[in-house]
Amino acid sequence: MKKLILLLLIAASALTISSCKKDKAPTENPAEAVKAKVLGKWNFESGTIITTNPPNPEKTENLTGRPGMYFEFRTNGISFNNLEGDAEEPYTVTSNTSMRIGDYTYNIKELTANRFVIESVQSNNTTTSRFTMILNR
């Protein structure tokens, strides 16, 4: 009988101790965390388009932002930019390193409170174009 009471006390103590452990905080979805950082207005600082079409030499086009050029990522999943006239396109943050704007997938190269660098690579047959865009706040 003493053994049974001792065993019950040990079991009750174990349950009490294990129930006192801190619950783990729910893990945040990495894509949602990135979307929260992306939201808002970003000024277009510069961009680079590098096109390769072998055997031709690589062609590089440097783009420089002008005052007033920007991207805006809205909470409703629509992006607005005025780089080549006004354009609205849907956007989705697909992971902590990738997003889609319109029909294009972009790799997120850098994302801080004040700097956002994304890059898209498009290929067809023999031509490859790499577009890198630098945005800032």
N, C-alpha and C. Protein backbone atom coordinates (compact mmCIF):
# COMPACT_ATOMS: atom_id res chain seq x y z
N MET A 1 0.82 -1.18 0.00
CA MET A 1 0.00 0.00 0.00
C MET A 1 0.87 1.26 0.00
N LYS A 2 1.96 1.22 0.82
CA LYS A 2 2.86 2.38 0.86
C LYS A 2 3.49 2.60 -0.51
N LYS A 3 3.82 1.50 -1.19
CA LYS A 3 4.41 1.62 -2.53
C LYS A 3 3.42 2.26 -3.50
N LEU A 4 2.16 1.89 -3.39
CA LEU A 4 1.14 2.45 -4.28
C LEU A 4 0.95 3.94 -4.03
N ILE A 5 0.92 4.35 -2.77
CA ILE A 5 0.77 5.77 -2.44
C ILE A 5 2.00 6.54 -2.92
N LEU A 6 3.19 5.98 -2.70
CA LEU A 6 4.43 6.62 -3.16
C LEU A 6 4.43 6.76 -4.68
N LEU A 7 4.00 5.71 -5.37
CA LEU A 7 3.94 5.74 -6.83
C LEU A 7 2.94 6.81 -7.31
N LEU A 8 1.79 6.91 -6.65
CA LEU A 8 0.80 7.94 -7.01
C LEU A 8 1.33 9.35 -6.75
N LEU A 9 2.06 9.53 -5.65
CA LEU A 9 2.66 10.84 -5.36
C LEU A 9 3.70 11.22 -6.41
N ILE A 10 4.51 10.26 -6.82
CA ILE A 10 5.52 10.53 -7.85
C ILE A 10 4.84 10.89 -9.17
N ALA A 11 3.81 10.15 -9.53
CA ALA A 11 3.09 10.43 -10.78
C ALA A 11 2.43 11.81 -10.73
N ALA A 12 1.82 12.14 -9.60
CA ALA A 12 1.18 13.46 -9.47
C ALA A 12 2.21 14.57 -9.53
N SER A 13 3.37 14.36 -8.92
CA SER A 13 4.44 15.36 -8.97
C SER A 13 4.94 15.55 -10.39
N ALA A 14 5.10 14.46 -11.11
CA ALA A 14 5.58 14.55 -12.50
C ALA A 14 4.58 15.32 -13.36
N LEU A 15 3.29 15.05 -13.17
CA LEU A 15 2.27 15.77 -13.94
C LEU A 15 2.27 17.25 -13.60
N THR A 16 2.42 17.57 -12.33
CA THR A 16 2.43 18.97 -11.90
C THR A 16 3.62 19.70 -12.49
N ILE A 17 4.78 19.08 -12.45
CA ILE A 17 6.00 19.71 -12.99
C ILE A 17 5.89 19.90 -14.49
N SER A 18 5.41 18.87 -15.20
CA SER A 18 5.33 18.99 -16.66
C SER A 18 4.27 20.00 -17.09
N SER A 19 3.21 20.17 -16.31
CA SER A 19 2.19 21.14 -16.68
C SER A 19 2.63 22.57 -16.40
N CYS A 20 3.69 22.75 -15.64
CA CYS A 20 4.19 24.09 -15.34
C CYS A 20 5.15 24.61 -16.40
N LYS A 21 5.56 23.76 -17.33
CA LYS A 21 6.47 24.21 -18.37
C LYS A 21 5.81 25.30 -19.19
N LYS A 22 6.63 26.25 -19.61
CA LYS A 22 6.12 27.33 -20.45
C LYS A 22 5.67 26.77 -21.79
N ASP A 23 4.52 27.23 -22.23
CA ASP A 23 4.09 26.85 -23.56
C ASP A 23 4.95 27.58 -24.57
N LYS A 24 5.28 26.87 -25.64
CA LYS A 24 6.07 27.51 -26.69
C LYS A 24 5.22 28.55 -27.40
N ALA A 25 5.86 29.65 -27.73
CA ALA A 25 5.17 30.69 -28.49
C ALA A 25 4.86 30.15 -29.87
N PRO A 26 3.71 30.48 -30.42
CA PRO A 26 3.41 30.00 -31.77
C PRO A 26 4.43 30.54 -32.75
N THR A 27 4.87 29.67 -33.64
CA THR A 27 5.87 30.11 -34.62
C THR A 27 5.19 30.93 -35.70
N GLU A 28 5.81 32.04 -36.03
CA GLU A 28 5.26 32.94 -37.03
C GLU A 28 5.61 32.42 -38.42
N ASN A 29 4.68 32.54 -39.32
CA ASN A 29 4.90 32.16 -40.71
C ASN A 29 5.95 33.10 -41.30
N PRO A 30 7.10 32.57 -41.78
CA PRO A 30 8.16 33.44 -42.32
C PRO A 30 7.67 34.34 -43.46
N ALA A 31 6.81 33.83 -44.32
CA ALA A 31 6.31 34.65 -45.43
C ALA A 31 5.49 35.82 -44.91
N GLU A 32 4.72 35.61 -43.85
CA GLU A 32 3.92 36.69 -43.28
C GLU A 32 4.81 37.75 -42.64
N ALA A 33 5.90 37.32 -42.02
CA ALA A 33 6.84 38.28 -41.43
C ALA A 33 7.48 39.13 -42.52
N VAL A 34 7.83 38.51 -43.65
CA VAL A 34 8.42 39.25 -44.76
C VAL A 34 7.38 40.20 -45.35
N LYS A 35 6.15 39.74 -45.51
CA LYS A 35 5.10 40.60 -46.06
C LYS A 35 4.93 41.85 -45.20
N ALA A 36 4.97 41.68 -43.88
CA ALA A 36 4.83 42.82 -42.98
C ALA A 36 5.96 43.83 -43.20
N LYS A 37 7.17 43.34 -43.48
CA LYS A 37 8.31 44.25 -43.72
C LYS A 37 8.20 44.94 -45.08
N VAL A 38 7.62 44.24 -46.05
CA VAL A 38 7.53 44.75 -47.43
C VAL A 38 6.46 45.83 -47.56
N LEU A 39 5.41 45.75 -46.76
CA LEU A 39 4.27 46.67 -46.88
C LEU A 39 4.71 48.13 -46.87
N GLY A 40 4.04 48.91 -47.70
CA GLY A 40 4.28 50.34 -47.72
C GLY A 40 4.97 50.80 -48.99
N LYS A 41 5.44 52.02 -48.93
CA LYS A 41 6.01 52.70 -50.10
C LYS A 41 7.53 52.59 -50.09
N TRP A 42 8.08 52.21 -51.25
CA TRP A 42 9.53 52.07 -51.44
C TRP A 42 9.94 52.91 -52.65
N ASN A 43 10.93 53.74 -52.49
CA ASN A 43 11.45 54.56 -53.59
C ASN A 43 12.34 53.71 -54.48
N PHE A 44 12.20 53.90 -55.78
CA PHE A 44 13.05 53.18 -56.73
C PHE A 44 14.39 53.90 -56.80
N GLU A 45 15.43 53.25 -56.29
CA GLU A 45 16.78 53.82 -56.30
C GLU A 45 17.50 53.53 -57.61
N SER A 46 17.54 52.23 -57.98
CA SER A 46 18.24 51.85 -59.21
C SER A 46 17.88 50.42 -59.58
N GLY A 47 18.29 50.07 -60.77
CA GLY A 47 18.08 48.71 -61.26
C GLY A 47 19.11 48.37 -62.30
N THR A 48 19.26 47.08 -62.54
CA THR A 48 20.19 46.60 -63.56
C THR A 48 19.52 45.47 -64.32
N ILE A 49 19.61 45.53 -65.64
CA ILE A 49 19.14 44.43 -66.48
C ILE A 49 20.36 43.88 -67.20
N ILE A 50 20.66 42.62 -66.96
CA ILE A 50 21.78 41.96 -67.63
C ILE A 50 21.19 40.90 -68.54
N THR A 51 21.47 41.02 -69.84
CA THR A 51 20.93 40.09 -70.82
C THR A 51 22.06 39.31 -71.47
N THR A 52 21.91 38.00 -71.49
CA THR A 52 22.89 37.14 -72.17
C THR A 52 22.17 36.39 -73.28
N ASN A 53 22.82 36.37 -74.43
CA ASN A 53 22.29 35.68 -75.60
C ASN A 53 23.48 35.15 -76.39
N PRO A 54 24.07 34.03 -75.93
CA PRO A 54 25.27 33.51 -76.59
C PRO A 54 25.03 33.29 -78.07
N PRO A 55 25.99 33.54 -78.90
CA PRO A 55 27.39 33.90 -78.64
C PRO A 55 27.61 35.41 -78.52
N ASN A 56 26.55 36.19 -78.50
CA ASN A 56 26.70 37.64 -78.38
C ASN A 56 27.24 38.01 -77.00
N PRO A 57 27.92 39.16 -76.91
CA PRO A 57 28.42 39.58 -75.59
C PRO A 57 27.26 39.96 -74.67
N GLU A 58 27.50 39.82 -73.39
CA GLU A 58 26.52 40.19 -72.38
C GLU A 58 26.20 41.67 -72.47
N LYS A 59 24.93 42.01 -72.33
CA LYS A 59 24.50 43.41 -72.41
C LYS A 59 23.99 43.83 -71.04
N THR A 60 24.49 44.97 -70.54
CA THR A 60 24.07 45.49 -69.24
C THR A 60 23.42 46.85 -69.42
N GLU A 61 22.24 46.99 -68.83
CA GLU A 61 21.53 48.27 -68.85
C GLU A 61 21.33 48.71 -67.40
N ASN A 62 21.89 49.86 -67.06
CA ASN A 62 21.74 50.41 -65.71
C ASN A 62 20.59 51.40 -65.69
N LEU A 63 19.73 51.26 -64.71
CA LEU A 63 18.57 52.13 -64.56
C LEU A 63 18.76 52.97 -63.30
N THR A 64 18.48 54.25 -63.41
CA THR A 64 18.61 55.15 -62.26
C THR A 64 17.25 55.71 -61.92
N GLY A 65 16.91 55.64 -60.66
CA GLY A 65 15.63 56.18 -60.22
C GLY A 65 15.61 57.70 -60.27
N ARG A 66 14.44 58.23 -60.52
CA ARG A 66 14.23 59.68 -60.48
C ARG A 66 13.33 59.99 -59.29
N PRO A 67 13.40 61.22 -58.79
CA PRO A 67 12.52 61.58 -57.68
C PRO A 67 11.06 61.28 -58.02
N GLY A 68 10.37 60.67 -57.10
CA GLY A 68 8.95 60.36 -57.30
C GLY A 68 8.68 58.96 -57.84
N MET A 69 9.73 58.23 -58.28
CA MET A 69 9.52 56.86 -58.76
C MET A 69 9.46 55.93 -57.55
N TYR A 70 8.42 55.09 -57.51
CA TYR A 70 8.27 54.23 -56.33
C TYR A 70 7.44 52.98 -56.61
N PHE A 71 7.56 52.03 -55.69
CA PHE A 71 6.70 50.86 -55.58
C PHE A 71 5.93 51.01 -54.28
N GLU A 72 4.69 50.60 -54.28
CA GLU A 72 3.92 50.55 -53.04
C GLU A 72 3.27 49.19 -52.93
N PHE A 73 3.52 48.51 -51.82
CA PHE A 73 2.93 47.20 -51.57
C PHE A 73 1.82 47.39 -50.54
N ARG A 74 0.60 47.10 -50.97
CA ARG A 74 -0.59 47.38 -50.15
C ARG A 74 -1.05 46.13 -49.41
N THR A 75 -1.80 46.35 -48.35
CA THR A 75 -2.27 45.23 -47.52
C THR A 75 -3.24 44.31 -48.26
N ASN A 76 -3.87 44.79 -49.33
CA ASN A 76 -4.83 43.98 -50.08
C ASN A 76 -4.18 43.08 -51.13
N GLY A 77 -2.83 43.01 -51.14
CA GLY A 77 -2.14 42.14 -52.09
C GLY A 77 -1.93 42.76 -53.46
N ILE A 78 -2.11 44.07 -53.57
CA ILE A 78 -1.89 44.78 -54.83
C ILE A 78 -0.66 45.65 -54.68
N SER A 79 0.20 45.60 -55.70
CA SER A 79 1.35 46.51 -55.72
C SER A 79 1.08 47.58 -56.77
N PHE A 80 1.58 48.77 -56.50
CA PHE A 80 1.46 49.88 -57.43
C PHE A 80 2.87 50.38 -57.70
N ASN A 81 3.17 50.67 -58.96
CA ASN A 81 4.44 51.33 -59.27
C ASN A 81 4.23 52.30 -60.42
N ASN A 82 5.11 53.29 -60.46
CA ASN A 82 5.03 54.30 -61.52
C ASN A 82 6.34 54.38 -62.30
N LEU A 83 7.00 53.22 -62.48
CA LEU A 83 8.29 53.22 -63.18
C LEU A 83 8.13 53.50 -64.66
N GLU A 84 7.13 52.92 -65.28
CA GLU A 84 6.87 53.14 -66.71
C GLU A 84 5.39 53.45 -66.87
N GLY A 85 4.96 54.54 -66.30
CA GLY A 85 3.53 54.83 -66.23
C GLY A 85 2.99 54.15 -64.98
N ASP A 86 1.72 54.36 -64.70
CA ASP A 86 1.11 53.77 -63.51
C ASP A 86 0.73 52.31 -63.78
N ALA A 87 1.09 51.43 -62.85
CA ALA A 87 0.77 50.01 -63.01
C ALA A 87 0.40 49.41 -61.66
N GLU A 88 -0.69 48.65 -61.66
CA GLU A 88 -1.08 47.89 -60.48
C GLU A 88 -1.02 46.41 -60.84
N GLU A 89 -0.42 45.63 -59.95
CA GLU A 89 -0.32 44.19 -60.16
C GLU A 89 -0.47 43.49 -58.82
N PRO A 90 -1.02 42.29 -58.85
CA PRO A 90 -1.08 41.53 -57.60
C PRO A 90 0.32 41.10 -57.19
N TYR A 91 0.53 40.97 -55.89
CA TYR A 91 1.80 40.44 -55.40
C TYR A 91 1.52 39.46 -54.28
N THR A 92 2.43 38.51 -54.13
CA THR A 92 2.34 37.51 -53.07
C THR A 92 3.74 37.23 -52.56
N VAL A 93 3.92 37.25 -51.26
CA VAL A 93 5.18 36.82 -50.67
C VAL A 93 5.04 35.31 -50.48
N THR A 94 5.85 34.53 -51.20
CA THR A 94 5.70 33.08 -51.19
C THR A 94 6.57 32.39 -50.14
N SER A 95 7.64 33.05 -49.72
CA SER A 95 8.51 32.52 -48.66
C SER A 95 9.32 33.68 -48.11
N ASN A 96 10.24 33.39 -47.21
CA ASN A 96 11.06 34.48 -46.68
C ASN A 96 12.15 34.91 -47.67
N THR A 97 12.27 34.22 -48.81
CA THR A 97 13.27 34.59 -49.81
C THR A 97 12.70 34.77 -51.21
N SER A 98 11.38 34.73 -51.34
CA SER A 98 10.79 34.77 -52.68
C SER A 98 9.43 35.47 -52.66
N MET A 99 9.12 36.16 -53.76
CA MET A 99 7.82 36.79 -53.92
C MET A 99 7.45 36.85 -55.40
N ARG A 100 6.17 36.98 -55.67
CA ARG A 100 5.69 37.17 -57.05
C ARG A 100 5.07 38.55 -57.15
N ILE A 101 5.42 39.24 -58.23
CA ILE A 101 4.78 40.50 -58.57
C ILE A 101 4.26 40.31 -59.98
N GLY A 102 2.95 40.34 -60.14
CA GLY A 102 2.38 40.05 -61.45
C GLY A 102 2.75 38.64 -61.87
N ASP A 103 3.32 38.51 -63.06
CA ASP A 103 3.68 37.20 -63.61
C ASP A 103 5.11 36.78 -63.28
N TYR A 104 5.85 37.60 -62.54
CA TYR A 104 7.27 37.34 -62.33
C TYR A 104 7.59 36.95 -60.89
N THR A 105 8.50 36.00 -60.76
CA THR A 105 8.99 35.60 -59.45
C THR A 105 10.29 36.34 -59.18
N TYR A 106 10.42 36.87 -57.98
CA TYR A 106 11.61 37.62 -57.57
C TYR A 106 12.23 36.94 -56.36
N ASN A 107 13.55 36.84 -56.36
CA ASN A 107 14.28 36.41 -55.18
C ASN A 107 14.55 37.64 -54.33
N ILE A 108 14.29 37.52 -53.04
CA ILE A 108 14.55 38.62 -52.12
C ILE A 108 16.01 38.51 -51.70
N LYS A 109 16.83 39.43 -52.17
CA LYS A 109 18.26 39.41 -51.89
C LYS A 109 18.60 40.11 -50.58
N GLU A 110 17.84 41.17 -50.26
CA GLU A 110 18.07 41.93 -49.03
C GLU A 110 16.77 42.62 -48.64
N LEU A 111 16.47 42.59 -47.36
CA LEU A 111 15.28 43.28 -46.86
C LEU A 111 15.55 43.77 -45.45
N THR A 112 15.69 45.09 -45.32
CA THR A 112 15.85 45.72 -44.02
C THR A 112 14.76 46.78 -43.89
N ALA A 113 14.78 47.52 -42.83
CA ALA A 113 13.77 48.57 -42.65
C ALA A 113 13.85 49.63 -43.74
N ASN A 114 15.06 49.84 -44.31
CA ASN A 114 15.26 50.92 -45.27
C ASN A 114 15.75 50.49 -46.65
N ARG A 115 16.00 49.21 -46.86
CA ARG A 115 16.55 48.76 -48.14
C ARG A 115 15.90 47.44 -48.53
N PHE A 116 15.52 47.34 -49.82
CA PHE A 116 14.83 46.17 -50.34
C PHE A 116 15.41 45.87 -51.71
N VAL A 117 16.07 44.74 -51.86
CA VAL A 117 16.70 44.36 -53.13
C VAL A 117 16.06 43.05 -53.59
N ILE A 118 15.51 43.07 -54.81
CA ILE A 118 14.91 41.87 -55.38
C ILE A 118 15.48 41.62 -56.77
N GLU A 119 15.43 40.35 -57.18
CA GLU A 119 16.02 39.98 -58.47
C GLU A 119 15.15 38.93 -59.14
N SER A 120 14.95 39.11 -60.44
CA SER A 120 14.18 38.16 -61.23
C SER A 120 15.03 37.69 -62.40
N VAL A 121 14.98 36.40 -62.68
CA VAL A 121 15.70 35.84 -63.82
C VAL A 121 14.68 35.21 -64.75
N GLN A 122 14.70 35.64 -66.01
CA GLN A 122 13.78 35.13 -67.02
C GLN A 122 14.59 34.54 -68.17
N SER A 123 14.18 33.35 -68.63
CA SER A 123 14.89 32.70 -69.73
C SER A 123 13.89 32.22 -70.77
N ASN A 124 14.30 32.30 -72.03
CA ASN A 124 13.55 31.68 -73.11
C ASN A 124 14.53 31.29 -74.20
N ASN A 125 14.50 30.05 -74.59
CA ASN A 125 15.41 29.49 -75.59
C ASN A 125 16.85 29.81 -75.26
N THR A 126 17.45 30.82 -75.91
CA THR A 126 18.88 31.11 -75.69
C THR A 126 19.12 32.40 -74.92
N THR A 127 18.09 33.16 -74.63
CA THR A 127 18.27 34.45 -73.97
C THR A 127 17.89 34.37 -72.49
N THR A 128 18.76 34.94 -71.65
CA THR A 128 18.49 35.03 -70.22
C THR A 128 18.61 36.49 -69.80
N SER A 129 17.61 36.96 -69.07
CA SER A 129 17.63 38.33 -68.54
C SER A 129 17.55 38.28 -67.02
N ARG A 130 18.45 39.02 -66.37
CA ARG A 130 18.48 39.12 -64.91
C ARG A 130 18.19 40.58 -64.56
N PHE A 131 17.08 40.81 -63.86
CA PHE A 131 16.67 42.15 -63.48
C PHE A 131 16.80 42.29 -61.97
N THR A 132 17.66 43.20 -61.54
CA THR A 132 17.85 43.47 -60.12
C THR A 132 17.32 44.87 -59.84
N MET A 133 16.53 45.00 -58.78
CA MET A 133 15.93 46.28 -58.44
C MET A 133 16.29 46.62 -56.99
N ILE A 134 16.74 47.86 -56.78
CA ILE A 134 17.07 48.34 -55.44
C ILE A 134 16.07 49.42 -55.07
N LEU A 135 15.36 49.17 -53.97
CA LEU A 135 14.36 50.10 -53.45
C LEU A 135 14.81 50.56 -52.07
N ASN A 136 14.41 51.77 -51.69
CA ASN A 136 14.75 52.25 -50.35
C ASN A 136 13.61 53.09 -49.80
N ARG A 137 13.69 53.37 -48.51
CA ARG A 137 12.68 54.22 -47.86
C ARG A 137 13.33 55.51 -47.45
